[in-house]
N, C-alpha and C. Protein backbone atom coordinates (compact mmCIF):
# COMPACT_ATOMS: atom_id res chain seq x y z
N MET A 1 -9.08 16.41 6.25
CA MET A 1 -10.39 15.43 6.84
C MET A 1 -10.90 14.94 6.23
N THR A 2 -11.06 14.48 6.07
CA THR A 2 -12.48 14.37 5.56
C THR A 2 -14.10 13.11 6.16
N SER A 3 -14.25 13.00 5.61
CA SER A 3 -15.67 12.03 6.80
C SER A 3 -16.06 10.85 5.18
N MET A 4 -16.40 10.22 5.36
CA MET A 4 -17.23 8.92 4.07
C MET A 4 -18.93 8.26 5.24
N ASP A 5 -19.27 9.03 4.28
CA ASP A 5 -21.02 8.40 4.29
C ASP A 5 -21.00 6.49 3.90
N ILE A 6 -21.90 5.24 4.00
CA ILE A 6 -21.92 4.02 3.52
C ILE A 6 -21.64 3.99 1.94
N HIS A 7 -22.03 5.09 1.03
CA HIS A 7 -22.15 4.78 -0.19
C HIS A 7 -20.27 5.56 -0.23
N GLN A 8 -20.05 6.23 0.11
CA GLN A 8 -18.47 6.35 0.00
C GLN A 8 -17.52 4.73 0.53
N ILE A 9 -18.55 4.45 1.36
CA ILE A 9 -17.50 3.56 1.26
C ILE A 9 -17.02 1.86 0.61
N LEU A 10 -18.77 2.17 0.59
CA LEU A 10 -19.37 0.58 -0.12
C LEU A 10 -17.72 0.32 -2.25
N GLU A 11 -17.58 2.08 -2.39
CA GLU A 11 -16.58 2.87 -2.84
C GLU A 11 -15.21 2.01 -2.79
N HIS A 12 -15.26 1.36 -1.23
CA HIS A 12 -13.75 1.97 -1.36
C HIS A 12 -13.60 0.28 -0.68
N LEU A 13 -14.89 -0.32 -0.30
CA LEU A 13 -14.15 -1.80 -0.22
C LEU A 13 -14.97 -2.77 -0.92
N PRO A 14 -14.22 -3.74 -0.66
CA PRO A 14 -15.10 -5.06 -2.33
C PRO A 14 -16.69 -5.44 -0.89
N HIS A 15 -16.02 -5.08 0.39
CA HIS A 15 -17.10 -6.25 1.06
C HIS A 15 -18.48 -6.10 1.37
N ARG A 16 -20.30 -6.15 1.61
CA ARG A 16 -20.87 -6.45 1.31
C ARG A 16 -21.60 -7.39 2.40
N TYR A 17 -22.30 -7.09 3.26
CA TYR A 17 -23.45 -7.86 4.21
C TYR A 17 -23.47 -9.18 3.78
N PRO A 18 -23.00 -9.88 5.16
CA PRO A 18 -22.68 -9.17 6.06
C PRO A 18 -21.25 -9.02 7.19
N PHE A 19 -20.04 -8.95 6.11
CA PHE A 19 -19.20 -9.51 6.56
C PHE A 19 -18.64 -7.49 6.46
N LEU A 20 -20.15 -6.44 6.32
CA LEU A 20 -18.40 -5.25 5.45
C LEU A 20 -19.32 -4.67 7.59
N LEU A 21 -17.95 -4.53 7.86
CA LEU A 21 -17.80 -3.90 8.82
C LEU A 21 -17.53 -2.52 9.86
N VAL A 22 -17.80 -2.18 8.24
CA VAL A 22 -17.33 -0.60 8.94
C VAL A 22 -18.50 0.46 8.57
N ASP A 23 -19.35 1.22 9.34
CA ASP A 23 -20.26 2.14 8.86
C ASP A 23 -20.41 3.44 8.33
N ARG A 24 -19.17 3.95 9.03
CA ARG A 24 -19.23 5.47 8.84
C ARG A 24 -17.74 6.17 8.82
N VAL A 25 -17.42 6.75 8.68
CA VAL A 25 -15.81 6.91 8.34
C VAL A 25 -15.47 8.97 9.21
N LEU A 26 -15.16 8.91 9.99
CA LEU A 26 -15.98 10.30 10.56
C LEU A 26 -14.58 11.50 10.68
N GLU A 27 -12.94 10.72 10.28
CA GLU A 27 -12.09 11.85 9.63
C GLU A 27 -11.12 10.39 8.06
N VAL A 28 -10.94 11.25 8.08
CA VAL A 28 -8.86 10.59 7.21
C VAL A 28 -8.44 11.70 6.84
N VAL A 29 -7.10 10.67 6.82
CA VAL A 29 -5.99 12.04 6.78
C VAL A 29 -5.61 10.95 5.74
N PRO A 30 -5.00 11.40 4.47
CA PRO A 30 -4.50 9.38 3.81
C PRO A 30 -3.36 10.06 3.71
N GLY A 31 -2.89 8.84 3.61
CA GLY A 31 -1.44 8.85 4.01
C GLY A 31 -0.89 8.76 5.79
N GLU A 32 -1.97 9.10 6.45
CA GLU A 32 -1.49 9.08 7.79
C GLU A 32 -2.70 8.55 8.86
N ARG A 33 -3.70 9.05 8.90
CA ARG A 33 -4.29 7.87 10.45
C ARG A 33 -5.97 8.38 9.34
N ILE A 34 -7.22 7.31 10.18
CA ILE A 34 -8.08 7.16 9.84
C ILE A 34 -9.55 7.05 11.74
N VAL A 35 -10.30 7.90 11.15
CA VAL A 35 -11.74 6.69 12.51
C VAL A 35 -12.47 7.04 12.11
N ALA A 36 -13.61 5.12 11.96
CA ALA A 36 -14.24 5.00 11.10
C ALA A 36 -14.84 4.20 12.51
N LEU A 37 -16.35 4.55 12.56
CA LEU A 37 -17.23 3.96 13.21
C LEU A 37 -18.33 2.23 12.97
N LYS A 38 -18.18 1.26 13.73
CA LYS A 38 -18.99 0.19 13.27
C LYS A 38 -20.02 0.23 14.54
N ASN A 39 -21.59 0.34 14.07
CA ASN A 39 -22.84 0.69 15.60
C ASN A 39 -22.72 -1.25 15.63
N VAL A 40 -23.13 -1.71 16.21
CA VAL A 40 -22.97 -3.21 17.11
C VAL A 40 -24.64 -3.25 17.15
N SER A 41 -25.00 -3.65 16.70
CA SER A 41 -26.18 -4.07 16.37
C SER A 41 -26.83 -5.91 16.57
N MET A 42 -28.07 -5.57 17.77
CA MET A 42 -28.98 -7.20 18.17
C MET A 42 -29.15 -7.68 17.02
N ASN A 43 -28.79 -7.29 15.69
CA ASN A 43 -28.98 -8.01 14.57
C ASN A 43 -27.93 -8.68 13.73
N GLU A 44 -26.84 -8.47 14.20
CA GLU A 44 -25.86 -9.11 13.66
C GLU A 44 -26.01 -10.29 13.98
N PRO A 45 -25.44 -11.26 12.65
CA PRO A 45 -25.23 -13.02 11.95
C PRO A 45 -25.08 -13.47 13.07
N PHE A 46 -24.01 -13.04 13.72
CA PHE A 46 -22.91 -14.35 14.36
C PHE A 46 -23.54 -13.62 16.04
N PHE A 47 -24.33 -13.06 16.25
CA PHE A 47 -25.29 -13.08 18.06
C PHE A 47 -25.48 -14.51 18.78
N PRO A 48 -26.95 -15.33 17.52
CA PRO A 48 -27.29 -15.87 17.95
C PRO A 48 -26.24 -16.96 18.43
N GLY A 49 -24.98 -17.67 17.54
CA GLY A 49 -24.21 -18.06 18.38
C GLY A 49 -22.99 -17.78 19.01
N HIS A 50 -23.00 -16.29 19.37
CA HIS A 50 -21.79 -16.61 20.33
C HIS A 50 -22.18 -14.75 21.23
N TYR A 51 -22.34 -15.68 22.54
CA TYR A 51 -23.37 -15.76 22.91
C TYR A 51 -24.71 -16.04 22.62
N PRO A 52 -25.66 -17.08 22.31
CA PRO A 52 -27.32 -16.72 23.32
C PRO A 52 -27.12 -16.47 24.24
N HIS A 53 -26.33 -16.63 25.65
CA HIS A 53 -26.93 -16.15 26.97
C HIS A 53 -26.52 -14.34 26.97
N HIS A 54 -25.81 -14.54 26.63
CA HIS A 54 -23.92 -13.12 26.56
C HIS A 54 -24.01 -12.86 25.45
N PRO A 55 -24.62 -11.72 24.64
CA PRO A 55 -23.77 -11.98 23.43
C PRO A 55 -22.74 -10.80 23.06
N VAL A 56 -21.73 -11.59 23.14
CA VAL A 56 -20.34 -10.75 22.94
C VAL A 56 -20.04 -10.77 21.12
N MET A 57 -19.06 -9.41 21.12
CA MET A 57 -18.43 -9.54 19.08
C MET A 57 -17.22 -10.50 19.53
N PRO A 58 -16.95 -11.54 18.12
CA PRO A 58 -15.92 -11.88 18.60
C PRO A 58 -15.28 -11.30 17.93
N GLY A 59 -13.62 -11.44 18.86
CA GLY A 59 -12.50 -10.45 19.06
C GLY A 59 -11.75 -10.40 17.11
N VAL A 60 -12.06 -11.59 16.60
CA VAL A 60 -11.83 -12.12 15.33
C VAL A 60 -12.19 -10.78 14.12
N LEU A 61 -13.67 -10.26 14.31
CA LEU A 61 -14.90 -9.40 13.75
C LEU A 61 -13.95 -8.33 13.91
N ILE A 62 -14.27 -8.37 15.48
CA ILE A 62 -13.21 -6.81 15.66
C ILE A 62 -11.32 -6.25 14.78
N VAL A 63 -11.19 -7.29 14.67
CA VAL A 63 -9.61 -7.35 14.44
C VAL A 63 -10.11 -5.99 12.56
N GLU A 64 -10.84 -7.72 12.50
CA GLU A 64 -11.33 -7.70 10.99
C GLU A 64 -11.65 -6.02 10.69
N ALA A 65 -12.91 -5.74 11.87
CA ALA A 65 -13.22 -4.23 11.26
C ALA A 65 -11.61 -3.06 11.77
N MET A 66 -11.06 -3.05 12.52
CA MET A 66 -9.78 -2.30 12.13
C MET A 66 -9.41 -2.55 10.96
N ALA A 67 -9.09 -4.15 10.09
CA ALA A 67 -8.69 -4.70 9.04
C ALA A 67 -8.95 -3.47 8.28
N GLN A 68 -10.73 -3.56 7.71
CA GLN A 68 -11.92 -2.80 7.14
C GLN A 68 -10.69 -1.44 6.67
N ALA A 69 -10.96 -1.03 7.53
CA ALA A 69 -10.63 0.88 7.85
C ALA A 69 -9.39 1.11 7.34
N ALA A 70 -8.37 -0.12 7.82
CA ALA A 70 -6.77 -0.28 7.10
C ALA A 70 -7.17 -0.06 6.04
N ALA A 71 -8.17 -0.75 5.35
CA ALA A 71 -7.73 -0.48 3.71
C ALA A 71 -8.61 0.37 3.34
N ILE A 72 -9.23 0.92 3.87
CA ILE A 72 -10.07 1.82 3.49
C ILE A 72 -9.28 3.17 4.00
N LEU A 73 -8.67 3.19 4.22
CA LEU A 73 -6.99 4.41 5.04
C LEU A 73 -5.64 4.07 3.31
N SER A 74 -5.06 2.94 3.26
CA SER A 74 -4.51 2.49 1.66
C SER A 74 -5.08 3.46 0.87
N PHE A 75 -6.52 2.48 0.63
CA PHE A 75 -6.84 3.61 -0.90
C PHE A 75 -7.25 4.40 -1.32
N LYS A 76 -7.04 5.22 0.39
CA LYS A 76 -7.79 7.34 0.06
C LYS A 76 -5.95 7.44 0.05
N SER A 77 -5.29 6.77 0.75
CA SER A 77 -3.90 7.53 0.49
C SER A 77 -3.28 7.39 -1.52
N LEU A 78 -4.18 6.54 -1.81
CA LEU A 78 -2.80 5.85 -3.24
C LEU A 78 -4.54 6.21 -4.37
N GLY A 79 -5.19 7.45 -3.43
CA GLY A 79 -5.88 7.75 -4.43
C GLY A 79 -6.45 7.04 -4.83
N GLY A 80 -7.61 5.90 -4.76
CA GLY A 80 -7.94 4.92 -5.84
C GLY A 80 -8.94 4.02 -5.18
N GLN A 81 -9.87 3.10 -6.14
CA GLN A 81 -10.34 1.88 -5.30
C GLN A 81 -9.84 1.26 -5.59
N PRO A 82 -10.76 -0.04 -4.54
CA PRO A 82 -10.04 -1.87 -5.25
C PRO A 82 -11.10 -1.45 -6.87
N ASP A 83 -10.85 -2.91 -7.74
CA ASP A 83 -11.25 -3.26 -8.36
C ASP A 83 -11.35 -4.61 -8.67
N ASP A 84 -11.84 -5.05 -9.59
CA ASP A 84 -12.51 -6.41 -9.57
C ASP A 84 -11.05 -7.73 -9.80
N LYS A 85 -10.29 -6.67 -10.13
CA LYS A 85 -8.92 -7.32 -10.55
C LYS A 85 -8.06 -7.31 -9.57
N SER A 86 -8.19 -6.97 -8.51
CA SER A 86 -7.38 -7.54 -7.48
C SER A 86 -7.29 -7.25 -5.86
N VAL A 87 -7.48 -8.22 -4.52
CA VAL A 87 -7.78 -7.71 -3.19
C VAL A 87 -6.88 -7.16 -2.09
N TYR A 88 -7.61 -6.94 -0.61
CA TYR A 88 -7.20 -6.22 -0.62
C TYR A 88 -6.35 -7.59 0.34
N TYR A 89 -5.79 -8.04 1.05
CA TYR A 89 -5.17 -8.94 1.69
C TYR A 89 -4.72 -8.74 3.12
N PHE A 90 -4.66 -9.05 4.25
CA PHE A 90 -3.52 -9.67 5.57
C PHE A 90 -2.53 -9.84 5.13
N VAL A 91 -1.04 -9.92 5.83
CA VAL A 91 -0.47 -10.97 5.82
C VAL A 91 0.55 -10.87 7.00
N GLY A 92 -0.30 -10.13 8.59
CA GLY A 92 0.11 -9.89 9.61
C GLY A 92 -1.01 -9.45 10.92
N ILE A 93 -0.43 -10.22 11.91
CA ILE A 93 -1.39 -9.08 13.03
C ILE A 93 -0.28 -9.69 14.06
N ASP A 94 0.10 -8.76 14.82
CA ASP A 94 1.29 -8.36 15.77
C ASP A 94 0.45 -7.95 17.07
N GLY A 95 0.26 -8.08 18.50
CA GLY A 95 0.45 -7.93 19.42
C GLY A 95 -0.93 -7.71 19.68
N ALA A 96 -2.20 -8.77 19.35
CA ALA A 96 -3.40 -8.59 19.14
C ALA A 96 -3.50 -8.13 20.53
N ARG A 97 -4.31 -7.17 21.54
CA ARG A 97 -5.11 -7.70 22.52
C ARG A 97 -6.42 -7.64 22.66
N PHE A 98 -7.59 -7.39 23.88
CA PHE A 98 -8.55 -7.68 24.13
C PHE A 98 -8.77 -7.17 25.32
N LYS A 99 -9.21 -6.17 25.31
CA LYS A 99 -8.92 -5.46 26.94
C LYS A 99 -10.41 -5.50 26.95
N ARG A 100 -12.09 -4.97 26.48
CA ARG A 100 -13.46 -5.65 26.97
C ARG A 100 -14.13 -6.28 25.95
N PRO A 101 -15.13 -7.13 26.89
CA PRO A 101 -15.72 -6.96 25.66
C PRO A 101 -16.85 -5.97 25.19
N VAL A 102 -17.48 -6.31 23.88
CA VAL A 102 -17.62 -5.51 23.52
C VAL A 102 -19.11 -5.64 22.88
N SER A 103 -20.41 -5.43 23.08
CA SER A 103 -22.22 -5.57 23.05
C SER A 103 -22.80 -5.35 22.36
N PRO A 104 -23.77 -6.03 21.99
CA PRO A 104 -24.41 -5.57 21.03
C PRO A 104 -24.80 -4.06 21.91
N GLY A 105 -25.27 -2.68 20.75
CA GLY A 105 -24.98 -1.72 21.46
C GLY A 105 -24.07 -0.80 21.14
N ASP A 106 -23.28 -0.86 21.40
CA ASP A 106 -21.93 -0.19 20.93
C ASP A 106 -21.81 0.05 20.77
N GLN A 107 -20.96 1.54 20.72
CA GLN A 107 -20.21 1.92 19.12
C GLN A 107 -18.54 1.46 19.11
N LEU A 108 -18.44 0.67 18.52
CA LEU A 108 -17.16 0.23 17.92
C LEU A 108 -16.06 1.84 17.12
N ILE A 109 -15.64 2.65 17.65
CA ILE A 109 -14.92 3.23 17.82
C ILE A 109 -13.36 3.09 16.99
N LEU A 110 -12.53 2.93 15.61
CA LEU A 110 -11.91 2.14 14.51
C LEU A 110 -10.58 3.30 15.02
N GLU A 111 -10.08 3.57 15.32
CA GLU A 111 -8.72 4.53 15.09
C GLU A 111 -7.22 3.94 14.97
N VAL A 112 -7.31 3.73 13.11
CA VAL A 112 -5.73 2.94 12.51
C VAL A 112 -4.49 4.59 11.98
N ALA A 113 -3.69 4.41 12.38
CA ALA A 113 -2.57 4.75 12.21
C ALA A 113 -1.86 4.04 10.98
N ILE A 114 -1.01 4.92 10.25
CA ILE A 114 0.23 3.91 8.94
C ILE A 114 1.50 4.08 9.69
N THR A 115 2.69 3.86 10.16
CA THR A 115 2.88 2.46 10.52
C THR A 115 4.78 3.20 9.42
N ALA A 116 3.83 1.82 8.52
CA ALA A 116 5.40 1.83 7.59
C ALA A 116 4.68 1.87 6.26
N ASN A 117 5.43 1.34 4.93
CA ASN A 117 4.54 1.14 3.80
C ASN A 117 6.20 0.98 2.35
N LYS A 118 6.03 -0.25 2.88
CA LYS A 118 7.91 -0.03 1.87
C LYS A 118 7.05 -0.85 1.63
N ARG A 119 7.68 -1.60 0.15
CA ARG A 119 7.36 -2.53 -1.60
C ARG A 119 5.94 -3.28 -0.83
N GLY A 120 5.48 -2.78 -0.34
CA GLY A 120 3.89 -2.77 -1.11
C GLY A 120 3.17 -2.94 0.18
N ILE A 121 4.35 -3.52 1.38
CA ILE A 121 3.36 -4.38 2.43
C ILE A 121 3.36 -3.12 3.69
N TRP A 122 1.77 -3.05 3.98
CA TRP A 122 1.31 -1.63 4.68
C TRP A 122 1.15 -1.96 6.22
N LYS A 123 1.78 -1.18 7.40
CA LYS A 123 2.24 -1.58 8.51
C LYS A 123 1.35 -0.58 9.31
N PHE A 124 0.24 -1.01 10.35
CA PHE A 124 -0.70 -0.06 10.68
C PHE A 124 -1.08 -0.39 12.16
N ALA A 125 -1.02 0.73 13.32
CA ALA A 125 -0.81 0.48 15.32
C ALA A 125 -2.77 0.77 14.77
N ALA A 126 -3.77 -0.39 15.28
CA ALA A 126 -4.59 0.16 15.14
C ALA A 126 -5.43 -0.30 16.19
N GLN A 127 -6.30 0.63 17.37
CA GLN A 127 -7.12 0.31 17.93
C GLN A 127 -8.90 0.48 17.88
N ALA A 128 -9.15 -0.64 18.53
CA ALA A 128 -11.04 -0.40 18.28
C ALA A 128 -11.24 0.24 20.23
N LYS A 129 -12.27 1.29 20.14
CA LYS A 129 -12.55 2.25 21.59
C LYS A 129 -14.23 1.25 21.83
N VAL A 130 -14.25 1.56 22.74
CA VAL A 130 -16.05 1.71 23.51
C VAL A 130 -16.00 2.53 24.16
N ASP A 131 -16.98 3.14 23.70
CA ASP A 131 -17.16 4.81 24.85
C ASP A 131 -16.31 5.42 25.64
N GLY A 132 -15.17 5.35 24.59
CA GLY A 132 -13.95 5.96 25.54
C GLY A 132 -12.45 4.94 26.08
N GLN A 133 -12.85 3.21 25.39
CA GLN A 133 -12.20 2.31 26.86
C GLN A 133 -12.03 1.60 25.46
N LEU A 134 -10.96 1.14 25.99
CA LEU A 134 -9.39 0.05 24.51
C LEU A 134 -10.07 -1.23 24.64
N ALA A 135 -10.70 -1.22 24.02
CA ALA A 135 -11.70 -2.96 23.64
C ALA A 135 -10.48 -3.76 22.92
N ALA A 136 -9.86 -3.27 22.14
CA ALA A 136 -9.18 -4.18 21.32
C ALA A 136 -8.15 -3.39 20.62
N GLU A 137 -6.54 -4.16 20.19
CA GLU A 137 -5.64 -3.22 19.64
C GLU A 137 -4.97 -4.09 19.09
N ALA A 138 -4.22 -3.97 17.79
CA ALA A 138 -3.29 -4.23 16.61
C ALA A 138 -2.55 -3.80 16.29
N GLU A 139 -1.54 -4.53 16.20
CA GLU A 139 -0.38 -4.28 14.76
C GLU A 139 -0.81 -5.16 13.85
N LEU A 140 -1.28 -4.36 12.43
CA LEU A 140 -1.86 -4.84 11.26
C LEU A 140 -0.95 -4.99 10.25
N MET A 141 -0.10 -6.09 9.29
CA MET A 141 -0.38 -6.06 8.02
C MET A 141 -0.88 -6.51 6.90
N CYS A 142 -0.63 -5.36 6.15
CA CYS A 142 -1.89 -6.09 5.03
C CYS A 142 -1.08 -5.65 3.22
N THR A 143 -1.61 -6.36 2.27
CA THR A 143 -1.42 -5.83 0.97
C THR A 143 -2.19 -5.90 -0.35
N VAL A 144 -1.70 -5.86 -0.97
CA VAL A 144 -2.90 -5.18 -2.57
C VAL A 144 -1.74 -6.39 -2.99
N ARG A 145 -2.73 -7.64 -3.93
CA ARG A 145 -2.64 -8.36 -4.55
C ARG A 145 -3.12 -8.10 -6.06
N LYS A 146 -2.42 -8.51 -7.51
CA LYS A 146 -3.37 -8.97 -8.24
C LYS A 146 -4.11 -10.55 -8.69
N LEU A 147 -5.26 -9.91 -9.20
CA LEU A 147 -5.75 -11.42 -9.44
C LEU A 147 -5.32 -12.43 -10.52
N ASP A 148 -4.48 -13.51 -10.79
CA ASP A 148 -4.78 -13.89 -11.58
C ASP A 148 -5.92 -13.86 -12.82
N ALA A 149 -5.61 -13.71 -14.28
CA ALA A 149 -6.38 -14.13 -15.36
C ALA A 149 -7.49 -15.40 -15.18
């Protein structure tokens, strides 16, 4: 079980501002699970438009944050890091549910566990929580694909 700071996260994810949605990894057990966090700030670029009178983090970005945590878990499980010759893709999202809004000042705790890995398709059970309350959950499927030269 190890943690990761932002510099280590940047080595394991190709995402950058404004689309990097994992600030810290609290624990990762390769081949099993990861717990990561996203500090939700009023300075996020989506808040001025979603919504000006009542800022709420878009659900699709909560799912993306869970997927980014899943990508870190995948690369840690494989013992490698992404390169510029491959891309980590979503291939499916099932059972996505949103239970409470996520607002500026919240700390989103991302809990992701591997449920299967067959023929390069990874399946995950993912939850996002704020103050111990479930904010969102989904079953995610992802894969790594080589880019054409």
